[in-house]
């Protein structure tokens, strides 16, 4: 696997931020990893999500970068015999990065169209 350039995100990380931003705009500020995976599959048929371990590693990296925060959910809401769920939330910086990536993606097809010779 190629090493990432400093300051860049992997496609999966960009997709996570994009979906988290969409969820935030719909009024869902926090999310569980499993719920995020379901939304990613429903909204875009996520091809970059190969396994839940992949998702949780990406969530951890995004948290290290300061783009997400997380906390353990209250023990009272945990299902017996299962670990407590972890709640994730997009930070202000994460929302900014997701918004910028979304804007770049929207402009990219236009720049290809306008830069092609006639």
N, C-alpha and C. Protein backbone atom coordinates (compact mmCIF):
# COMPACT_ATOMS: atom_id res chain seq x y z
N UNK A 1 0.84 -1.17 0.00
CA UNK A 1 0.00 0.00 0.00
C UNK A 1 0.89 1.23 0.00
N UNK A 2 0.62 2.19 -0.89
CA UNK A 2 1.46 3.37 -0.94
C UNK A 2 1.28 4.22 0.31
N UNK A 3 2.35 4.89 0.66
CA UNK A 3 2.26 5.78 1.82
C UNK A 3 1.51 7.04 1.44
N UNK A 4 0.79 7.56 2.39
CA UNK A 4 0.03 8.77 2.12
C UNK A 4 0.94 9.99 2.22
N UNK A 5 0.63 10.99 1.43
CA UNK A 5 1.35 12.25 1.51
C UNK A 5 0.85 12.98 2.74
N UNK A 6 1.75 13.70 3.41
CA UNK A 6 1.31 14.46 4.60
C UNK A 6 0.17 15.41 4.24
N UNK A 7 -0.83 15.46 5.10
CA UNK A 7 -1.94 16.37 4.90
C UNK A 7 -3.02 15.85 3.95
N UNK A 8 -2.92 14.59 3.53
CA UNK A 8 -3.94 14.03 2.65
C UNK A 8 -4.73 12.94 3.38
N UNK A 9 -5.91 12.69 2.90
CA UNK A 9 -6.75 11.65 3.47
C UNK A 9 -6.95 10.55 2.45
N UNK A 10 -7.16 9.35 2.95
CA UNK A 10 -7.48 8.21 2.08
C UNK A 10 -8.92 8.34 1.60
N UNK A 11 -9.27 7.71 0.48
CA UNK A 11 -10.65 7.79 -0.01
C UNK A 11 -11.69 7.38 1.04
N UNK A 12 -11.42 6.35 1.82
CA UNK A 12 -12.35 5.93 2.86
C UNK A 12 -12.53 7.03 3.90
N UNK A 13 -11.44 7.69 4.29
CA UNK A 13 -11.52 8.75 5.28
C UNK A 13 -12.34 9.93 4.75
N UNK A 14 -12.14 10.27 3.48
CA UNK A 14 -12.95 11.34 2.87
C UNK A 14 -14.42 10.95 2.84
N UNK A 15 -14.70 9.70 2.52
CA UNK A 15 -16.08 9.23 2.46
C UNK A 15 -16.73 9.28 3.85
N UNK A 16 -15.99 8.89 4.87
CA UNK A 16 -16.51 8.95 6.24
C UNK A 16 -16.87 10.38 6.60
N UNK A 17 -15.95 11.32 6.32
CA UNK A 17 -16.22 12.72 6.64
C UNK A 17 -17.42 13.25 5.87
N UNK A 18 -17.54 12.87 4.61
CA UNK A 18 -18.65 13.33 3.79
C UNK A 18 -19.99 12.84 4.36
N UNK A 19 -20.05 11.57 4.71
CA UNK A 19 -21.29 11.01 5.26
C UNK A 19 -21.57 11.60 6.64
N UNK A 20 -20.54 11.78 7.46
CA UNK A 20 -20.73 12.38 8.78
C UNK A 20 -21.26 13.82 8.65
N UNK A 21 -20.75 14.56 7.67
CA UNK A 21 -21.23 15.93 7.44
C UNK A 21 -22.70 15.91 7.01
N UNK A 22 -23.05 14.99 6.12
CA UNK A 22 -24.45 14.88 5.68
C UNK A 22 -25.36 14.52 6.86
N UNK A 23 -24.91 13.61 7.71
CA UNK A 23 -25.70 13.22 8.88
C UNK A 23 -25.87 14.41 9.82
N UNK A 24 -24.80 15.17 9.99
CA UNK A 24 -24.83 16.35 10.87
C UNK A 24 -25.83 17.38 10.34
N UNK A 25 -25.83 17.58 9.02
CA UNK A 25 -26.76 18.54 8.41
C UNK A 25 -28.20 18.09 8.53
N UNK A 26 -28.42 16.78 8.67
CA UNK A 26 -29.78 16.25 8.85
C UNK A 26 -30.17 16.21 10.32
N UNK A 27 -29.33 16.74 11.20
CA UNK A 27 -29.65 16.83 12.61
C UNK A 27 -29.13 15.69 13.47
N UNK A 28 -28.32 14.81 12.91
CA UNK A 28 -27.74 13.71 13.68
C UNK A 28 -26.28 14.03 13.94
N UNK A 29 -26.02 14.66 15.07
CA UNK A 29 -24.66 15.13 15.38
C UNK A 29 -23.71 13.99 15.74
N UNK A 30 -24.22 12.96 16.42
CA UNK A 30 -23.36 11.84 16.82
C UNK A 30 -23.81 10.58 16.09
N UNK A 31 -22.88 9.64 15.98
CA UNK A 31 -23.18 8.40 15.28
C UNK A 31 -22.30 7.29 15.81
N UNK A 32 -22.78 6.06 15.64
CA UNK A 32 -22.00 4.86 15.97
C UNK A 32 -21.31 4.40 14.69
N UNK A 33 -20.22 3.70 14.83
CA UNK A 33 -19.51 3.17 13.67
C UNK A 33 -20.38 2.27 12.82
N UNK A 34 -21.15 1.39 13.45
CA UNK A 34 -22.00 0.47 12.70
C UNK A 34 -23.06 1.23 11.91
N UNK A 35 -23.67 2.22 12.54
CA UNK A 35 -24.69 3.04 11.87
C UNK A 35 -24.09 3.82 10.70
N UNK A 36 -22.87 4.30 10.88
CA UNK A 36 -22.17 5.01 9.81
C UNK A 36 -21.94 4.07 8.63
N UNK A 37 -21.50 2.86 8.91
CA UNK A 37 -21.26 1.88 7.84
C UNK A 37 -22.54 1.59 7.07
N UNK A 38 -23.65 1.44 7.78
CA UNK A 38 -24.93 1.19 7.11
C UNK A 38 -25.31 2.36 6.22
N UNK A 39 -25.15 3.57 6.71
CA UNK A 39 -25.48 4.77 5.93
C UNK A 39 -24.58 4.88 4.71
N UNK A 40 -23.30 4.58 4.87
CA UNK A 40 -22.37 4.64 3.75
C UNK A 40 -22.78 3.66 2.66
N UNK A 41 -23.17 2.47 3.06
CA UNK A 41 -23.59 1.46 2.07
C UNK A 41 -24.90 1.86 1.39
N UNK A 42 -25.84 2.41 2.17
CA UNK A 42 -27.13 2.80 1.62
C UNK A 42 -27.01 3.99 0.66
N UNK A 43 -26.21 4.98 1.07
CA UNK A 43 -26.12 6.21 0.28
C UNK A 43 -25.28 6.07 -0.97
N UNK A 44 -24.20 5.34 -0.87
CA UNK A 44 -23.31 5.32 -2.02
C UNK A 44 -22.81 3.95 -2.41
N UNK A 45 -23.29 2.92 -1.76
CA UNK A 45 -22.78 1.59 -2.07
C UNK A 45 -21.28 1.54 -1.85
N UNK A 46 -20.83 2.06 -0.74
CA UNK A 46 -19.42 2.24 -0.44
C UNK A 46 -18.55 1.07 -0.91
N UNK A 47 -17.66 1.37 -1.84
CA UNK A 47 -16.71 0.35 -2.31
C UNK A 47 -15.43 0.36 -1.49
N UNK A 48 -15.17 1.48 -0.80
CA UNK A 48 -13.93 1.55 -0.03
C UNK A 48 -14.06 0.89 1.34
N UNK A 49 -15.28 0.56 1.74
CA UNK A 49 -15.51 -0.08 3.03
C UNK A 49 -15.51 -1.59 2.83
N UNK A 50 -14.38 -2.22 3.15
CA UNK A 50 -14.24 -3.65 2.90
C UNK A 50 -14.56 -4.49 4.13
N UNK A 51 -14.38 -3.93 5.32
CA UNK A 51 -14.66 -4.65 6.56
C UNK A 51 -14.83 -3.63 7.68
N UNK A 52 -15.52 -4.05 8.74
CA UNK A 52 -15.71 -3.12 9.85
C UNK A 52 -14.39 -2.75 10.52
N UNK A 53 -13.42 -3.66 10.50
CA UNK A 53 -12.10 -3.33 11.04
C UNK A 53 -11.46 -2.18 10.28
N UNK A 54 -11.68 -2.15 8.97
CA UNK A 54 -11.18 -1.07 8.13
C UNK A 54 -11.82 0.25 8.56
N UNK A 55 -13.12 0.22 8.80
CA UNK A 55 -13.85 1.41 9.22
C UNK A 55 -13.32 1.93 10.54
N UNK A 56 -13.18 1.07 11.52
CA UNK A 56 -12.78 1.52 12.85
C UNK A 56 -11.34 2.03 12.87
N UNK A 57 -10.48 1.48 12.05
CA UNK A 57 -9.11 2.01 11.95
C UNK A 57 -9.14 3.40 11.34
N UNK A 58 -9.98 3.60 10.33
CA UNK A 58 -10.10 4.91 9.70
C UNK A 58 -10.70 5.92 10.68
N UNK A 59 -11.71 5.51 11.45
CA UNK A 59 -12.29 6.40 12.45
C UNK A 59 -11.24 6.81 13.47
N UNK A 60 -10.41 5.88 13.88
CA UNK A 60 -9.34 6.17 14.84
C UNK A 60 -8.34 7.18 14.27
N UNK A 61 -7.97 6.98 12.99
CA UNK A 61 -7.03 7.93 12.36
C UNK A 61 -7.65 9.32 12.28
N UNK A 62 -8.92 9.39 11.91
CA UNK A 62 -9.59 10.69 11.81
C UNK A 62 -9.65 11.38 13.17
N UNK A 63 -9.79 10.59 14.21
CA UNK A 63 -9.78 11.15 15.56
C UNK A 63 -8.38 11.67 15.90
N UNK A 64 -7.35 10.93 15.52
CA UNK A 64 -5.97 11.37 15.75
C UNK A 64 -5.68 12.68 15.01
N UNK A 65 -6.28 12.84 13.83
CA UNK A 65 -6.09 14.06 13.03
C UNK A 65 -6.91 15.23 13.57
N UNK A 66 -7.80 14.98 14.55
CA UNK A 66 -8.63 16.03 15.11
C UNK A 66 -9.88 16.33 14.29
N UNK A 67 -10.25 15.42 13.40
CA UNK A 67 -11.41 15.64 12.54
C UNK A 67 -12.68 15.02 13.12
N UNK A 68 -12.51 14.10 14.05
CA UNK A 68 -13.62 13.48 14.78
C UNK A 68 -13.27 13.44 16.26
N UNK A 69 -14.28 13.39 17.08
CA UNK A 69 -14.08 13.08 18.51
C UNK A 69 -14.94 11.86 18.80
N UNK A 70 -14.63 11.18 19.89
CA UNK A 70 -15.45 10.04 20.27
C UNK A 70 -15.49 9.91 21.78
N UNK A 71 -16.50 9.20 22.23
CA UNK A 71 -16.65 8.92 23.66
C UNK A 71 -17.45 7.63 23.79
N UNK A 72 -17.26 6.97 24.92
CA UNK A 72 -18.05 5.77 25.19
C UNK A 72 -19.45 6.19 25.58
N UNK A 73 -20.44 5.47 25.07
CA UNK A 73 -21.83 5.74 25.45
C UNK A 73 -22.03 5.28 26.89
N UNK A 74 -23.04 5.83 27.54
CA UNK A 74 -23.33 5.46 28.93
C UNK A 74 -23.54 3.96 29.06
N UNK A 75 -23.07 3.41 30.18
CA UNK A 75 -23.20 1.97 30.43
C UNK A 75 -24.67 1.55 30.48
N UNK A 76 -25.54 2.46 30.89
CA UNK A 76 -26.97 2.13 31.01
C UNK A 76 -27.59 1.81 29.65
N UNK A 77 -27.03 2.33 28.56
CA UNK A 77 -27.60 2.09 27.23
C UNK A 77 -26.98 0.87 26.55
N UNK A 78 -25.96 0.28 27.15
CA UNK A 78 -25.29 -0.87 26.55
C UNK A 78 -26.18 -2.11 26.61
N UNK A 79 -26.06 -2.93 25.60
CA UNK A 79 -26.78 -4.20 25.54
C UNK A 79 -25.96 -5.23 26.32
N UNK A 80 -26.62 -6.01 27.16
CA UNK A 80 -25.92 -6.99 27.98
C UNK A 80 -25.14 -7.97 27.10
N UNK A 81 -23.91 -8.23 27.48
CA UNK A 81 -23.08 -9.16 26.74
C UNK A 81 -22.33 -8.54 25.57
N UNK A 82 -22.54 -7.25 25.35
CA UNK A 82 -21.85 -6.56 24.26
C UNK A 82 -21.07 -5.39 24.84
N UNK A 83 -19.99 -5.00 24.17
CA UNK A 83 -19.25 -3.84 24.66
C UNK A 83 -20.08 -2.56 24.50
N UNK A 84 -19.77 -1.57 25.32
CA UNK A 84 -20.48 -0.29 25.20
C UNK A 84 -20.20 0.32 23.83
N UNK A 85 -21.22 0.88 23.22
CA UNK A 85 -21.00 1.52 21.91
C UNK A 85 -20.21 2.82 22.05
N UNK A 86 -19.48 3.14 21.02
CA UNK A 86 -18.71 4.36 20.98
C UNK A 86 -19.45 5.35 20.09
N UNK A 87 -19.61 6.57 20.57
CA UNK A 87 -20.26 7.62 19.80
C UNK A 87 -19.20 8.52 19.19
N UNK A 88 -19.34 8.80 17.90
CA UNK A 88 -18.41 9.67 17.18
C UNK A 88 -19.12 10.95 16.82
N UNK A 89 -18.34 12.02 16.70
CA UNK A 89 -18.90 13.31 16.31
C UNK A 89 -17.88 14.06 15.46
N UNK A 90 -18.35 14.69 14.43
CA UNK A 90 -17.52 15.50 13.55
C UNK A 90 -17.11 16.77 14.29
N UNK A 91 -15.83 17.12 14.24
CA UNK A 91 -15.38 18.37 14.85
C UNK A 91 -15.60 19.51 13.85
N UNK A 92 -15.41 20.74 14.30
CA UNK A 92 -15.50 21.88 13.40
C UNK A 92 -14.50 21.78 12.27
N UNK A 93 -13.29 21.35 12.59
CA UNK A 93 -12.26 21.17 11.56
C UNK A 93 -12.65 20.05 10.61
N UNK A 94 -13.23 18.98 11.14
CA UNK A 94 -13.68 17.88 10.29
C UNK A 94 -14.76 18.33 9.33
N UNK A 95 -15.68 19.16 9.80
CA UNK A 95 -16.73 19.69 8.93
C UNK A 95 -16.13 20.58 7.85
N UNK A 96 -15.13 21.38 8.21
CA UNK A 96 -14.47 22.26 7.24
C UNK A 96 -13.79 21.43 6.16
N UNK A 97 -13.05 20.40 6.57
CA UNK A 97 -12.34 19.54 5.63
C UNK A 97 -13.33 18.81 4.72
N UNK A 98 -14.42 18.30 5.30
CA UNK A 98 -15.43 17.59 4.51
C UNK A 98 -16.09 18.53 3.51
N UNK A 99 -16.40 19.75 3.95
CA UNK A 99 -17.01 20.73 3.06
C UNK A 99 -16.08 21.11 1.92
N UNK A 100 -14.80 21.27 2.22
CA UNK A 100 -13.81 21.60 1.17
C UNK A 100 -13.68 20.47 0.17
N UNK A 101 -13.62 19.24 0.66
CA UNK A 101 -13.49 18.08 -0.23
C UNK A 101 -14.73 17.96 -1.11
N UNK A 102 -15.90 18.22 -0.54
CA UNK A 102 -17.14 18.14 -1.30
C UNK A 102 -17.15 19.22 -2.40
N UNK A 103 -16.68 20.41 -2.07
CA UNK A 103 -16.63 21.50 -3.05
C UNK A 103 -15.64 21.18 -4.17
N UNK A 104 -14.49 20.63 -3.81
CA UNK A 104 -13.49 20.25 -4.82
C UNK A 104 -14.04 19.18 -5.75
N UNK A 105 -14.76 18.22 -5.19
CA UNK A 105 -15.33 17.14 -5.99
C UNK A 105 -16.37 17.70 -6.96
N UNK A 106 -17.13 18.70 -6.54
CA UNK A 106 -18.14 19.29 -7.40
C UNK A 106 -17.51 20.10 -8.53
N UNK A 107 -16.35 20.72 -8.26
CA UNK A 107 -15.67 21.54 -9.27
C UNK A 107 -14.85 20.68 -10.22
N UNK A 108 -14.34 19.55 -9.77
CA UNK A 108 -13.45 18.71 -10.59
C UNK A 108 -14.06 18.31 -11.93
N UNK A 109 -15.30 17.84 -11.99
CA UNK A 109 -15.85 17.48 -13.30
C UNK A 109 -15.95 18.69 -14.22
N UNK A 110 -16.26 19.84 -13.68
CA UNK A 110 -16.35 21.05 -14.50
C UNK A 110 -15.00 21.43 -15.05
N UNK A 111 -13.94 21.29 -14.27
CA UNK A 111 -12.61 21.67 -14.75
C UNK A 111 -12.15 20.72 -15.86
N UNK A 112 -12.53 19.45 -15.78
CA UNK A 112 -12.19 18.51 -16.84
C UNK A 112 -12.92 18.86 -18.13
N UNK A 113 -14.16 19.26 -18.00
CA UNK A 113 -14.97 19.60 -19.17
C UNK A 113 -14.41 20.85 -19.85
N UNK A 114 -14.09 21.87 -19.04
CA UNK A 114 -13.63 23.13 -19.61
C UNK A 114 -12.20 23.07 -20.08
N UNK A 115 -11.41 22.13 -19.57
CA UNK A 115 -10.00 22.06 -19.98
C UNK A 115 -9.76 21.16 -21.19
N UNK A 116 -10.79 20.40 -21.58
CA UNK A 116 -10.62 19.54 -22.75
C UNK A 116 -10.64 20.37 -24.02
N UNK A 117 -9.75 20.06 -24.98
CA UNK A 117 -9.74 20.82 -26.24
C UNK A 117 -11.01 20.52 -27.04
N UNK A 118 -11.48 21.54 -27.75
CA UNK A 118 -12.72 21.40 -28.53
C UNK A 118 -12.51 20.73 -29.86
